[in-house]
Amino acid sequence: MSEATRVCSAAELEADSALKVVVDGVAIAVVKDSAGDIYALGDTCTHGDISLSEGFVEDDTLECWAHGSKFSLTTGKPLTLPAYEPVPVYVVTIIDGDVYIDPSSTVAV
């Protein structure tokens, strides 16, 4: 099992926005919702090869800007079509205000 990697500080993330990071070759969208909670999802939309971090954070979803599929921040499941396959959700650890992600550790849903 690999170790979690520091990807940014929590303060760098703006509310209702996503930041693309790459950890061990895995593209990840790091999202801060309006409540200040931080999530990490696979960055590639399962409907098309589109970066989800370029999309929109709304309520508890990350929306693909290209075709409008919304993915749950907690489960990675698509809540709207055209996507029907989920994206992975990774474990996020906050240590001393820094965000750490281990791409080999996904959240069980």
N, C-alpha and C. Protein backbone atom coordinates (compact mmCIF):
# COMPACT_ATOMS: atom_id res chain seq x y z
N MET A 1 0.84 -1.19 0.00
CA MET A 1 0.00 0.00 0.00
C MET A 1 0.88 1.24 0.00
N SER A 2 0.57 2.16 -0.90
CA SER A 2 1.37 3.38 -0.96
C SER A 2 0.90 4.35 0.13
N GLU A 3 1.72 5.35 0.34
CA GLU A 3 1.38 6.32 1.37
C GLU A 3 0.62 7.49 0.76
N ALA A 4 -0.11 8.19 1.61
CA ALA A 4 -0.82 9.37 1.15
C ALA A 4 0.19 10.45 0.79
N THR A 5 -0.14 11.22 -0.25
CA THR A 5 0.73 12.28 -0.76
C THR A 5 0.08 13.62 -0.52
N ARG A 6 0.87 14.61 -0.07
CA ARG A 6 0.35 15.96 0.08
C ARG A 6 0.07 16.53 -1.29
N VAL A 7 -1.15 17.03 -1.51
CA VAL A 7 -1.51 17.58 -2.81
C VAL A 7 -1.71 19.10 -2.80
N CYS A 8 -2.05 19.65 -1.64
CA CYS A 8 -2.24 21.10 -1.51
C CYS A 8 -2.57 21.40 -0.05
N SER A 9 -2.68 22.67 0.25
CA SER A 9 -3.18 23.02 1.58
C SER A 9 -4.69 23.23 1.46
N ALA A 10 -5.40 22.99 2.54
CA ALA A 10 -6.85 23.17 2.52
C ALA A 10 -7.20 24.62 2.21
N ALA A 11 -6.36 25.55 2.63
CA ALA A 11 -6.60 26.97 2.40
C ALA A 11 -6.51 27.35 0.93
N GLU A 12 -5.77 26.55 0.12
CA GLU A 12 -5.65 26.83 -1.31
C GLU A 12 -6.94 26.56 -2.07
N LEU A 13 -7.79 25.72 -1.51
CA LEU A 13 -9.02 25.33 -2.18
C LEU A 13 -10.11 26.36 -1.92
N GLU A 14 -10.77 26.79 -2.99
CA GLU A 14 -11.89 27.72 -2.84
C GLU A 14 -13.17 26.92 -2.67
N ALA A 15 -14.11 27.47 -1.92
CA ALA A 15 -15.40 26.80 -1.74
C ALA A 15 -16.10 26.65 -3.08
N ASP A 16 -16.80 25.54 -3.24
CA ASP A 16 -17.53 25.22 -4.47
C ASP A 16 -16.64 25.24 -5.70
N SER A 17 -15.43 24.67 -5.55
CA SER A 17 -14.54 24.59 -6.70
C SER A 17 -13.75 23.29 -6.63
N ALA A 18 -13.11 22.97 -7.75
CA ALA A 18 -12.31 21.75 -7.85
C ALA A 18 -10.92 22.09 -8.36
N LEU A 19 -9.95 21.30 -7.93
CA LEU A 19 -8.56 21.46 -8.34
C LEU A 19 -8.08 20.12 -8.85
N LYS A 20 -7.46 20.11 -10.04
CA LYS A 20 -6.92 18.86 -10.57
C LYS A 20 -5.51 18.65 -10.05
N VAL A 21 -5.26 17.45 -9.52
CA VAL A 21 -3.93 17.05 -9.09
C VAL A 21 -3.65 15.68 -9.69
N VAL A 22 -2.37 15.33 -9.79
CA VAL A 22 -1.99 14.01 -10.27
C VAL A 22 -1.10 13.37 -9.22
N VAL A 23 -1.52 12.21 -8.71
CA VAL A 23 -0.77 11.49 -7.69
C VAL A 23 -0.47 10.10 -8.23
N ASP A 24 0.80 9.77 -8.31
CA ASP A 24 1.22 8.45 -8.82
C ASP A 24 0.57 8.15 -10.17
N GLY A 25 0.47 9.15 -11.04
CA GLY A 25 -0.10 8.96 -12.37
C GLY A 25 -1.61 8.95 -12.43
N VAL A 26 -2.28 9.16 -11.29
CA VAL A 26 -3.74 9.14 -11.23
C VAL A 26 -4.25 10.58 -11.16
N ALA A 27 -5.09 10.97 -12.14
CA ALA A 27 -5.69 12.31 -12.14
C ALA A 27 -6.85 12.33 -11.16
N ILE A 28 -6.82 13.30 -10.25
CA ILE A 28 -7.80 13.39 -9.18
C ILE A 28 -8.35 14.82 -9.10
N ALA A 29 -9.67 14.93 -8.96
CA ALA A 29 -10.31 16.23 -8.74
C ALA A 29 -10.50 16.39 -7.24
N VAL A 30 -9.83 17.38 -6.65
CA VAL A 30 -9.97 17.68 -5.22
C VAL A 30 -11.02 18.79 -5.12
N VAL A 31 -12.07 18.52 -4.36
CA VAL A 31 -13.23 19.42 -4.31
C VAL A 31 -13.46 19.91 -2.89
N LYS A 32 -13.73 21.21 -2.78
CA LYS A 32 -14.17 21.78 -1.50
C LYS A 32 -15.60 22.26 -1.69
N ASP A 33 -16.52 21.72 -0.89
CA ASP A 33 -17.91 22.14 -1.04
C ASP A 33 -18.19 23.41 -0.24
N SER A 34 -19.42 23.89 -0.31
CA SER A 34 -19.76 25.15 0.35
C SER A 34 -19.65 25.08 1.86
N ALA A 35 -19.71 23.85 2.43
CA ALA A 35 -19.57 23.68 3.88
C ALA A 35 -18.10 23.59 4.30
N GLY A 36 -17.20 23.56 3.32
CA GLY A 36 -15.77 23.46 3.63
C GLY A 36 -15.24 22.04 3.69
N ASP A 37 -16.10 21.05 3.40
CA ASP A 37 -15.66 19.66 3.38
C ASP A 37 -14.88 19.39 2.09
N ILE A 38 -13.88 18.53 2.18
CA ILE A 38 -13.00 18.25 1.05
C ILE A 38 -13.15 16.81 0.61
N TYR A 39 -13.27 16.63 -0.70
CA TYR A 39 -13.45 15.31 -1.31
C TYR A 39 -12.43 15.13 -2.44
N ALA A 40 -12.19 13.88 -2.81
CA ALA A 40 -11.30 13.58 -3.92
C ALA A 40 -11.95 12.52 -4.80
N LEU A 41 -12.16 12.87 -6.07
CA LEU A 41 -12.80 11.96 -7.02
C LEU A 41 -11.88 11.76 -8.22
N GLY A 42 -12.08 10.64 -8.90
CA GLY A 42 -11.38 10.45 -10.17
C GLY A 42 -11.72 11.62 -11.08
N ASP A 43 -10.72 12.18 -11.75
CA ASP A 43 -10.92 13.42 -12.50
C ASP A 43 -11.54 13.21 -13.88
N THR A 44 -11.60 11.99 -14.37
CA THR A 44 -12.08 11.78 -15.73
C THR A 44 -13.53 11.31 -15.74
N CYS A 45 -14.39 12.06 -16.43
CA CYS A 45 -15.80 11.69 -16.56
C CYS A 45 -15.89 10.33 -17.22
N THR A 46 -16.79 9.49 -16.72
CA THR A 46 -16.93 8.15 -17.27
C THR A 46 -17.73 8.13 -18.57
N HIS A 47 -18.33 9.24 -18.94
CA HIS A 47 -19.08 9.33 -20.20
C HIS A 47 -18.15 9.70 -21.35
N GLY A 48 -17.22 10.59 -21.08
CA GLY A 48 -16.27 11.03 -22.10
C GLY A 48 -14.97 11.38 -21.43
N ASP A 49 -13.93 11.53 -22.20
CA ASP A 49 -12.60 11.80 -21.63
C ASP A 49 -12.48 13.29 -21.29
N ILE A 50 -13.26 13.71 -20.30
CA ILE A 50 -13.36 15.12 -19.90
C ILE A 50 -12.88 15.26 -18.45
N SER A 51 -12.12 16.30 -18.19
CA SER A 51 -11.63 16.57 -16.83
C SER A 51 -12.77 17.13 -15.98
N LEU A 52 -13.13 16.39 -14.94
CA LEU A 52 -14.22 16.84 -14.05
C LEU A 52 -13.83 18.07 -13.24
N SER A 53 -12.54 18.26 -12.99
CA SER A 53 -12.12 19.42 -12.19
C SER A 53 -12.40 20.73 -12.92
N GLU A 54 -12.67 20.67 -14.21
CA GLU A 54 -13.05 21.87 -14.97
C GLU A 54 -14.54 22.14 -14.89
N GLY A 55 -15.27 21.27 -14.18
CA GLY A 55 -16.71 21.37 -14.09
C GLY A 55 -17.17 22.24 -12.94
N PHE A 56 -18.38 21.97 -12.49
CA PHE A 56 -19.04 22.83 -11.50
C PHE A 56 -19.37 22.05 -10.23
N VAL A 57 -19.08 22.66 -9.09
CA VAL A 57 -19.44 22.07 -7.80
C VAL A 57 -20.76 22.69 -7.37
N GLU A 58 -21.74 21.83 -7.13
CA GLU A 58 -23.06 22.31 -6.74
C GLU A 58 -23.64 21.36 -5.71
N ASP A 59 -24.00 21.88 -4.55
CA ASP A 59 -24.50 21.06 -3.45
C ASP A 59 -23.48 19.96 -3.17
N ASP A 60 -23.88 18.70 -3.31
CA ASP A 60 -22.97 17.60 -3.01
C ASP A 60 -22.56 16.86 -4.28
N THR A 61 -22.44 17.62 -5.40
CA THR A 61 -22.09 17.00 -6.68
C THR A 61 -20.98 17.77 -7.40
N LEU A 62 -20.33 17.06 -8.32
CA LEU A 62 -19.38 17.65 -9.26
C LEU A 62 -19.94 17.38 -10.64
N GLU A 63 -20.22 18.45 -11.38
CA GLU A 63 -20.88 18.33 -12.68
C GLU A 63 -19.87 18.46 -13.81
N CYS A 64 -19.93 17.53 -14.76
CA CYS A 64 -19.08 17.58 -15.95
C CYS A 64 -19.55 18.75 -16.82
N TRP A 65 -18.63 19.61 -17.20
CA TRP A 65 -19.00 20.80 -17.98
C TRP A 65 -19.44 20.45 -19.40
N ALA A 66 -19.02 19.30 -19.92
CA ALA A 66 -19.29 19.00 -21.33
C ALA A 66 -20.73 18.51 -21.58
N HIS A 67 -21.19 17.55 -20.78
CA HIS A 67 -22.50 16.96 -21.04
C HIS A 67 -23.43 16.99 -19.84
N GLY A 68 -22.98 17.55 -18.72
CA GLY A 68 -23.88 17.78 -17.60
C GLY A 68 -24.08 16.66 -16.61
N SER A 69 -23.36 15.55 -16.75
CA SER A 69 -23.51 14.49 -15.74
C SER A 69 -23.02 15.00 -14.39
N LYS A 70 -23.80 14.74 -13.35
CA LYS A 70 -23.42 15.13 -11.99
C LYS A 70 -23.03 13.90 -11.21
N PHE A 71 -21.86 13.97 -10.55
CA PHE A 71 -21.35 12.85 -9.76
C PHE A 71 -21.40 13.20 -8.28
N SER A 72 -21.85 12.25 -7.46
CA SER A 72 -21.90 12.44 -6.01
C SER A 72 -20.49 12.59 -5.47
N LEU A 73 -20.28 13.58 -4.60
CA LEU A 73 -18.97 13.78 -3.98
C LEU A 73 -18.64 12.66 -3.01
N THR A 74 -19.65 12.03 -2.44
CA THR A 74 -19.40 11.00 -1.42
C THR A 74 -19.31 9.59 -1.98
N THR A 75 -20.04 9.31 -3.08
CA THR A 75 -20.05 7.94 -3.62
C THR A 75 -19.42 7.83 -5.00
N GLY A 76 -19.31 8.95 -5.73
CA GLY A 76 -18.80 8.91 -7.09
C GLY A 76 -19.83 8.46 -8.11
N LYS A 77 -21.03 8.12 -7.65
CA LYS A 77 -22.07 7.63 -8.57
C LYS A 77 -22.65 8.79 -9.38
N PRO A 78 -22.90 8.55 -10.68
CA PRO A 78 -23.55 9.58 -11.49
C PRO A 78 -25.01 9.71 -11.09
N LEU A 79 -25.46 10.94 -10.92
CA LEU A 79 -26.85 11.18 -10.52
C LEU A 79 -27.70 11.61 -11.70
N THR A 80 -27.03 11.95 -12.82
CA THR A 80 -27.73 12.34 -14.04
C THR A 80 -27.02 11.71 -15.24
N LEU A 81 -27.78 11.50 -16.30
CA LEU A 81 -27.21 10.98 -17.54
C LEU A 81 -26.47 12.11 -18.26
N PRO A 82 -25.59 11.83 -19.20
CA PRO A 82 -25.44 10.55 -19.88
C PRO A 82 -24.49 9.56 -19.20
N ALA A 83 -23.74 9.96 -18.20
CA ALA A 83 -22.83 9.01 -17.53
C ALA A 83 -23.64 8.01 -16.72
N TYR A 84 -23.20 6.76 -16.72
CA TYR A 84 -23.86 5.74 -15.90
C TYR A 84 -22.88 4.93 -15.08
N GLU A 85 -21.58 5.13 -15.30
CA GLU A 85 -20.55 4.46 -14.51
C GLU A 85 -20.02 5.43 -13.46
N PRO A 86 -19.78 4.98 -12.23
CA PRO A 86 -19.25 5.88 -11.19
C PRO A 86 -17.77 6.19 -11.40
N VAL A 87 -17.32 7.27 -10.78
CA VAL A 87 -15.89 7.58 -10.71
C VAL A 87 -15.41 7.17 -9.32
N PRO A 88 -14.13 6.84 -9.18
CA PRO A 88 -13.64 6.47 -7.85
C PRO A 88 -13.63 7.67 -6.90
N VAL A 89 -13.84 7.39 -5.62
CA VAL A 89 -13.73 8.41 -4.57
C VAL A 89 -12.58 7.97 -3.67
N TYR A 90 -11.63 8.87 -3.46
CA TYR A 90 -10.43 8.54 -2.69
C TYR A 90 -10.51 9.07 -1.27
N VAL A 91 -9.81 8.40 -0.37
CA VAL A 91 -9.74 8.82 1.02
C VAL A 91 -8.93 10.11 1.11
N VAL A 92 -9.48 11.09 1.79
CA VAL A 92 -8.81 12.38 2.01
C VAL A 92 -8.44 12.47 3.48
N THR A 93 -7.19 12.84 3.74
CA THR A 93 -6.73 13.05 5.11
C THR A 93 -6.21 14.48 5.21
N ILE A 94 -6.64 15.18 6.26
CA ILE A 94 -6.16 16.55 6.51
C ILE A 94 -5.20 16.48 7.70
N ILE A 95 -3.96 16.91 7.46
CA ILE A 95 -2.96 16.93 8.53
C ILE A 95 -2.35 18.32 8.58
N ASP A 96 -2.51 18.99 9.72
CA ASP A 96 -1.97 20.34 9.91
C ASP A 96 -2.36 21.28 8.77
N GLY A 97 -3.61 21.17 8.31
CA GLY A 97 -4.11 22.08 7.28
C GLY A 97 -3.72 21.68 5.86
N ASP A 98 -3.02 20.56 5.69
CA ASP A 98 -2.65 20.09 4.37
C ASP A 98 -3.52 18.91 3.96
N VAL A 99 -3.79 18.81 2.66
CA VAL A 99 -4.64 17.75 2.11
C VAL A 99 -3.75 16.63 1.57
N TYR A 100 -3.99 15.41 2.06
CA TYR A 100 -3.25 14.23 1.62
C TYR A 100 -4.22 13.24 0.98
N ILE A 101 -3.78 12.62 -0.12
CA ILE A 101 -4.60 11.63 -0.82
C ILE A 101 -3.73 10.43 -1.15
N ASP A 102 -4.30 9.25 -0.96
CA ASP A 102 -3.65 8.00 -1.36
C ASP A 102 -4.48 7.41 -2.49
N PRO A 103 -3.98 7.45 -3.74
CA PRO A 103 -4.77 6.95 -4.87
C PRO A 103 -5.02 5.45 -4.84
N SER A 104 -4.35 4.73 -3.95
CA SER A 104 -4.61 3.29 -3.84
C SER A 104 -5.70 2.99 -2.82
N SER A 105 -6.19 4.04 -2.14
CA SER A 105 -7.20 3.86 -1.10
C SER A 105 -8.50 4.58 -1.48
N THR A 106 -9.51 3.78 -1.87
CA THR A 106 -10.79 4.37 -2.24
C THR A 106 -11.80 4.19 -1.12
N VAL A 107 -12.81 5.03 -1.14
CA VAL A 107 -13.87 4.99 -0.14
C VAL A 107 -14.82 3.85 -0.50
N ALA A 108 -15.15 3.02 0.46
CA ALA A 108 -16.11 1.93 0.24
C ALA A 108 -17.52 2.51 0.29
N VAL A 109 -18.33 2.17 -0.70
CA VAL A 109 -19.70 2.66 -0.74
C VAL A 109 -20.69 1.53 -0.78
